[in-house]
Amino acid sequence: MNKHDVIRAWKDPLYRASLSEEAQASLPQNPAGITELSDGQLVTAAGAAVITTARGCTEYTFLNWRSCCPTTA
């Protein structure tokens, strides 16, 4: 496999999936590291919790309205 095919296999998951099992096994490891994370790795990276603001504040921010949080001035 030439270097252009290797790079394409690293970048294009559809092309990589179209390769035979032997060709996939012979691919060198991507120098950027792993390119896909498992669900368990994603949970660990997120700290096992997703924290967000109150729904009203999120709607205000999404709709580009003025700040929903009270200001003291």
N, C-alpha and C. Protein backbone atom coordinates (compact mmCIF):
# COMPACT_ATOMS: atom_id res chain seq x y z
N MET A 1 0.87 -1.17 0.00
CA MET A 1 0.00 0.00 0.00
C MET A 1 0.91 1.23 0.00
N ASN A 2 0.68 2.14 -0.94
CA ASN A 2 1.52 3.33 -1.00
C ASN A 2 1.08 4.36 0.05
N LYS A 3 1.90 5.40 0.23
CA LYS A 3 1.62 6.36 1.31
C LYS A 3 0.32 7.14 1.08
N HIS A 4 -0.08 7.36 -0.15
CA HIS A 4 -1.33 8.07 -0.42
C HIS A 4 -2.54 7.24 0.02
N ASP A 5 -2.47 5.93 -0.19
CA ASP A 5 -3.55 5.05 0.25
C ASP A 5 -3.62 4.97 1.78
N VAL A 6 -2.45 4.97 2.41
CA VAL A 6 -2.41 4.94 3.88
C VAL A 6 -3.04 6.20 4.45
N ILE A 7 -2.67 7.34 3.91
CA ILE A 7 -3.22 8.62 4.39
C ILE A 7 -4.72 8.67 4.15
N ARG A 8 -5.15 8.21 2.98
CA ARG A 8 -6.59 8.18 2.70
C ARG A 8 -7.33 7.27 3.68
N ALA A 9 -6.73 6.13 4.00
CA ALA A 9 -7.35 5.21 4.95
C ALA A 9 -7.44 5.84 6.34
N TRP A 10 -6.45 6.64 6.73
CA TRP A 10 -6.49 7.33 8.02
C TRP A 10 -7.61 8.37 8.05
N LYS A 11 -7.81 9.08 6.93
CA LYS A 11 -8.75 10.20 6.90
C LYS A 11 -10.17 9.81 6.54
N ASP A 12 -10.35 8.77 5.73
CA ASP A 12 -11.65 8.43 5.18
C ASP A 12 -12.16 7.10 5.75
N PRO A 13 -13.10 7.15 6.71
CA PRO A 13 -13.58 5.92 7.32
C PRO A 13 -14.27 4.98 6.33
N LEU A 14 -14.93 5.51 5.31
CA LEU A 14 -15.57 4.65 4.31
C LEU A 14 -14.54 3.89 3.48
N TYR A 15 -13.48 4.59 3.10
CA TYR A 15 -12.40 3.93 2.36
C TYR A 15 -11.74 2.86 3.23
N ARG A 16 -11.48 3.21 4.50
CA ARG A 16 -10.85 2.26 5.42
C ARG A 16 -11.72 1.02 5.58
N ALA A 17 -13.03 1.19 5.68
CA ALA A 17 -13.94 0.06 5.83
C ALA A 17 -13.99 -0.80 4.57
N SER A 18 -13.70 -0.20 3.41
CA SER A 18 -13.74 -0.96 2.16
C SER A 18 -12.51 -1.83 1.96
N LEU A 19 -11.48 -1.63 2.77
CA LEU A 19 -10.26 -2.42 2.64
C LEU A 19 -10.46 -3.82 3.22
N SER A 20 -9.68 -4.74 2.73
CA SER A 20 -9.74 -6.11 3.27
C SER A 20 -9.22 -6.11 4.71
N GLU A 21 -9.51 -7.18 5.43
CA GLU A 21 -9.05 -7.29 6.81
C GLU A 21 -7.52 -7.26 6.89
N GLU A 22 -6.87 -7.91 5.93
CA GLU A 22 -5.40 -7.91 5.92
C GLU A 22 -4.86 -6.50 5.69
N ALA A 23 -5.48 -5.76 4.77
CA ALA A 23 -5.02 -4.40 4.49
C ALA A 23 -5.25 -3.49 5.70
N GLN A 24 -6.38 -3.65 6.36
CA GLN A 24 -6.64 -2.85 7.56
C GLN A 24 -5.64 -3.18 8.66
N ALA A 25 -5.31 -4.45 8.82
CA ALA A 25 -4.36 -4.86 9.84
C ALA A 25 -2.95 -4.37 9.54
N SER A 26 -2.63 -4.20 8.25
CA SER A 26 -1.27 -3.77 7.87
C SER A 26 -1.10 -2.26 7.92
N LEU A 27 -2.17 -1.51 8.15
CA LEU A 27 -2.05 -0.06 8.22
C LEU A 27 -1.22 0.35 9.44
N PRO A 28 -0.28 1.27 9.24
CA PRO A 28 0.45 1.77 10.41
C PRO A 28 -0.48 2.62 11.28
N GLN A 29 -0.13 2.76 12.55
CA GLN A 29 -0.96 3.56 13.45
C GLN A 29 -0.93 5.02 13.01
N ASN A 30 -2.06 5.68 13.10
CA ASN A 30 -2.17 7.08 12.74
C ASN A 30 -1.28 7.90 13.68
N PRO A 31 -0.41 8.77 13.16
CA PRO A 31 0.48 9.54 14.02
C PRO A 31 -0.26 10.52 14.92
N ALA A 32 -1.50 10.85 14.58
CA ALA A 32 -2.29 11.75 15.42
C ALA A 32 -2.91 11.01 16.60
N GLY A 33 -2.77 9.71 16.64
CA GLY A 33 -3.35 8.92 17.71
C GLY A 33 -4.68 8.34 17.28
N ILE A 34 -5.46 7.87 18.26
CA ILE A 34 -6.74 7.27 17.93
C ILE A 34 -7.67 8.34 17.36
N THR A 35 -8.50 7.93 16.42
CA THR A 35 -9.38 8.90 15.77
C THR A 35 -10.83 8.74 16.19
N GLU A 36 -11.15 7.63 16.85
CA GLU A 36 -12.51 7.41 17.30
C GLU A 36 -12.48 6.99 18.76
N LEU A 37 -13.40 7.51 19.54
CA LEU A 37 -13.48 7.17 20.95
C LEU A 37 -14.70 6.29 21.21
N SER A 38 -14.55 5.36 22.12
CA SER A 38 -15.68 4.53 22.51
C SER A 38 -16.60 5.33 23.42
N ASP A 39 -17.79 4.82 23.66
CA ASP A 39 -18.72 5.51 24.56
C ASP A 39 -18.13 5.65 25.96
N GLY A 40 -17.44 4.63 26.42
CA GLY A 40 -16.81 4.69 27.73
C GLY A 40 -15.75 5.77 27.82
N GLN A 41 -14.95 5.92 26.75
CA GLN A 41 -13.93 6.96 26.74
C GLN A 41 -14.56 8.35 26.71
N LEU A 42 -15.68 8.50 26.00
CA LEU A 42 -16.36 9.80 25.97
C LEU A 42 -16.92 10.17 27.34
N VAL A 43 -17.48 9.19 28.05
CA VAL A 43 -18.01 9.45 29.38
C VAL A 43 -16.88 9.86 30.32
N THR A 44 -15.76 9.18 30.22
CA THR A 44 -14.61 9.51 31.06
C THR A 44 -14.11 10.93 30.74
N ALA A 45 -14.04 11.28 29.48
CA ALA A 45 -13.56 12.60 29.09
C ALA A 45 -14.52 13.70 29.55
N ALA A 46 -15.81 13.40 29.60
CA ALA A 46 -16.80 14.38 30.02
C ALA A 46 -16.91 14.45 31.54
N GLY A 47 -16.17 13.62 32.24
CA GLY A 47 -16.25 13.62 33.69
C GLY A 47 -17.50 12.92 34.18
N ALA A 48 -18.10 12.08 33.37
CA ALA A 48 -19.28 11.28 33.71
C ALA A 48 -20.50 12.13 33.99
N ALA A 49 -20.45 13.39 33.68
CA ALA A 49 -21.62 14.25 33.90
C ALA A 49 -21.59 15.39 32.89
N VAL A 50 -22.74 15.76 32.44
CA VAL A 50 -22.86 16.90 31.55
C VAL A 50 -23.64 17.97 32.29
N ILE A 51 -23.02 19.10 32.47
CA ILE A 51 -23.65 20.18 33.22
C ILE A 51 -24.01 21.28 32.24
N THR A 52 -25.20 21.77 32.35
CA THR A 52 -25.64 22.85 31.48
C THR A 52 -26.34 23.91 32.31
N THR A 53 -26.63 25.02 31.70
CA THR A 53 -27.32 26.09 32.41
C THR A 53 -28.82 25.82 32.42
N ALA A 54 -29.54 26.67 33.09
CA ALA A 54 -30.99 26.53 33.14
C ALA A 54 -31.56 26.65 31.73
N ARG A 55 -32.67 25.97 31.49
CA ARG A 55 -33.26 25.95 30.15
C ARG A 55 -33.56 27.35 29.64
N GLY A 56 -34.10 28.20 30.50
CA GLY A 56 -34.42 29.55 30.07
C GLY A 56 -33.20 30.33 29.61
N CYS A 57 -32.10 30.20 30.35
CA CYS A 57 -30.88 30.90 29.95
C CYS A 57 -30.35 30.37 28.63
N THR A 58 -30.44 29.06 28.42
CA THR A 58 -29.97 28.47 27.17
C THR A 58 -30.81 28.99 26.01
N GLU A 59 -32.13 29.09 26.19
CA GLU A 59 -32.99 29.62 25.12
C GLU A 59 -32.65 31.07 24.82
N TYR A 60 -32.42 31.87 25.85
CA TYR A 60 -32.06 33.27 25.62
C TYR A 60 -30.76 33.36 24.83
N THR A 61 -29.78 32.58 25.22
CA THR A 61 -28.49 32.61 24.54
C THR A 61 -28.64 32.13 23.10
N PHE A 62 -29.38 31.06 22.89
CA PHE A 62 -29.55 30.50 21.56
C PHE A 62 -30.25 31.49 20.63
N LEU A 63 -31.21 32.22 21.14
CA LEU A 63 -31.98 33.15 20.32
C LEU A 63 -31.34 34.53 20.24
N ASN A 64 -30.14 34.69 20.82
CA ASN A 64 -29.41 35.96 20.81
C ASN A 64 -30.18 37.10 21.48
N TRP A 65 -30.96 36.77 22.49
CA TRP A 65 -31.64 37.79 23.25
C TRP A 65 -30.69 38.35 24.29
N ARG A 66 -31.14 39.33 24.98
CA ARG A 66 -30.33 39.91 26.04
C ARG A 66 -30.12 38.86 27.13
N SER A 67 -29.16 39.07 27.93
CA SER A 67 -28.82 38.12 28.99
C SER A 67 -30.04 37.88 29.88
N CYS A 68 -30.26 36.61 30.21
CA CYS A 68 -31.39 36.27 31.06
C CYS A 68 -31.01 36.37 32.54
N CYS A 69 -29.74 36.41 32.82
CA CYS A 69 -29.30 36.46 34.20
C CYS A 69 -29.38 37.90 34.72
N PRO A 70 -29.85 38.06 35.94
CA PRO A 70 -29.95 39.43 36.48
C PRO A 70 -28.57 40.03 36.66
N THR A 71 -28.48 41.29 36.38
CA THR A 71 -27.21 42.00 36.56
C THR A 71 -27.34 42.95 37.73
N THR A 72 -26.25 43.17 38.38
CA THR A 72 -26.25 44.11 39.50
C THR A 72 -25.41 45.31 39.09
N ALA A 73 -26.05 46.43 38.88
CA ALA A 73 -25.32 47.62 38.49
C ALA A 73 -26.02 48.86 39.01
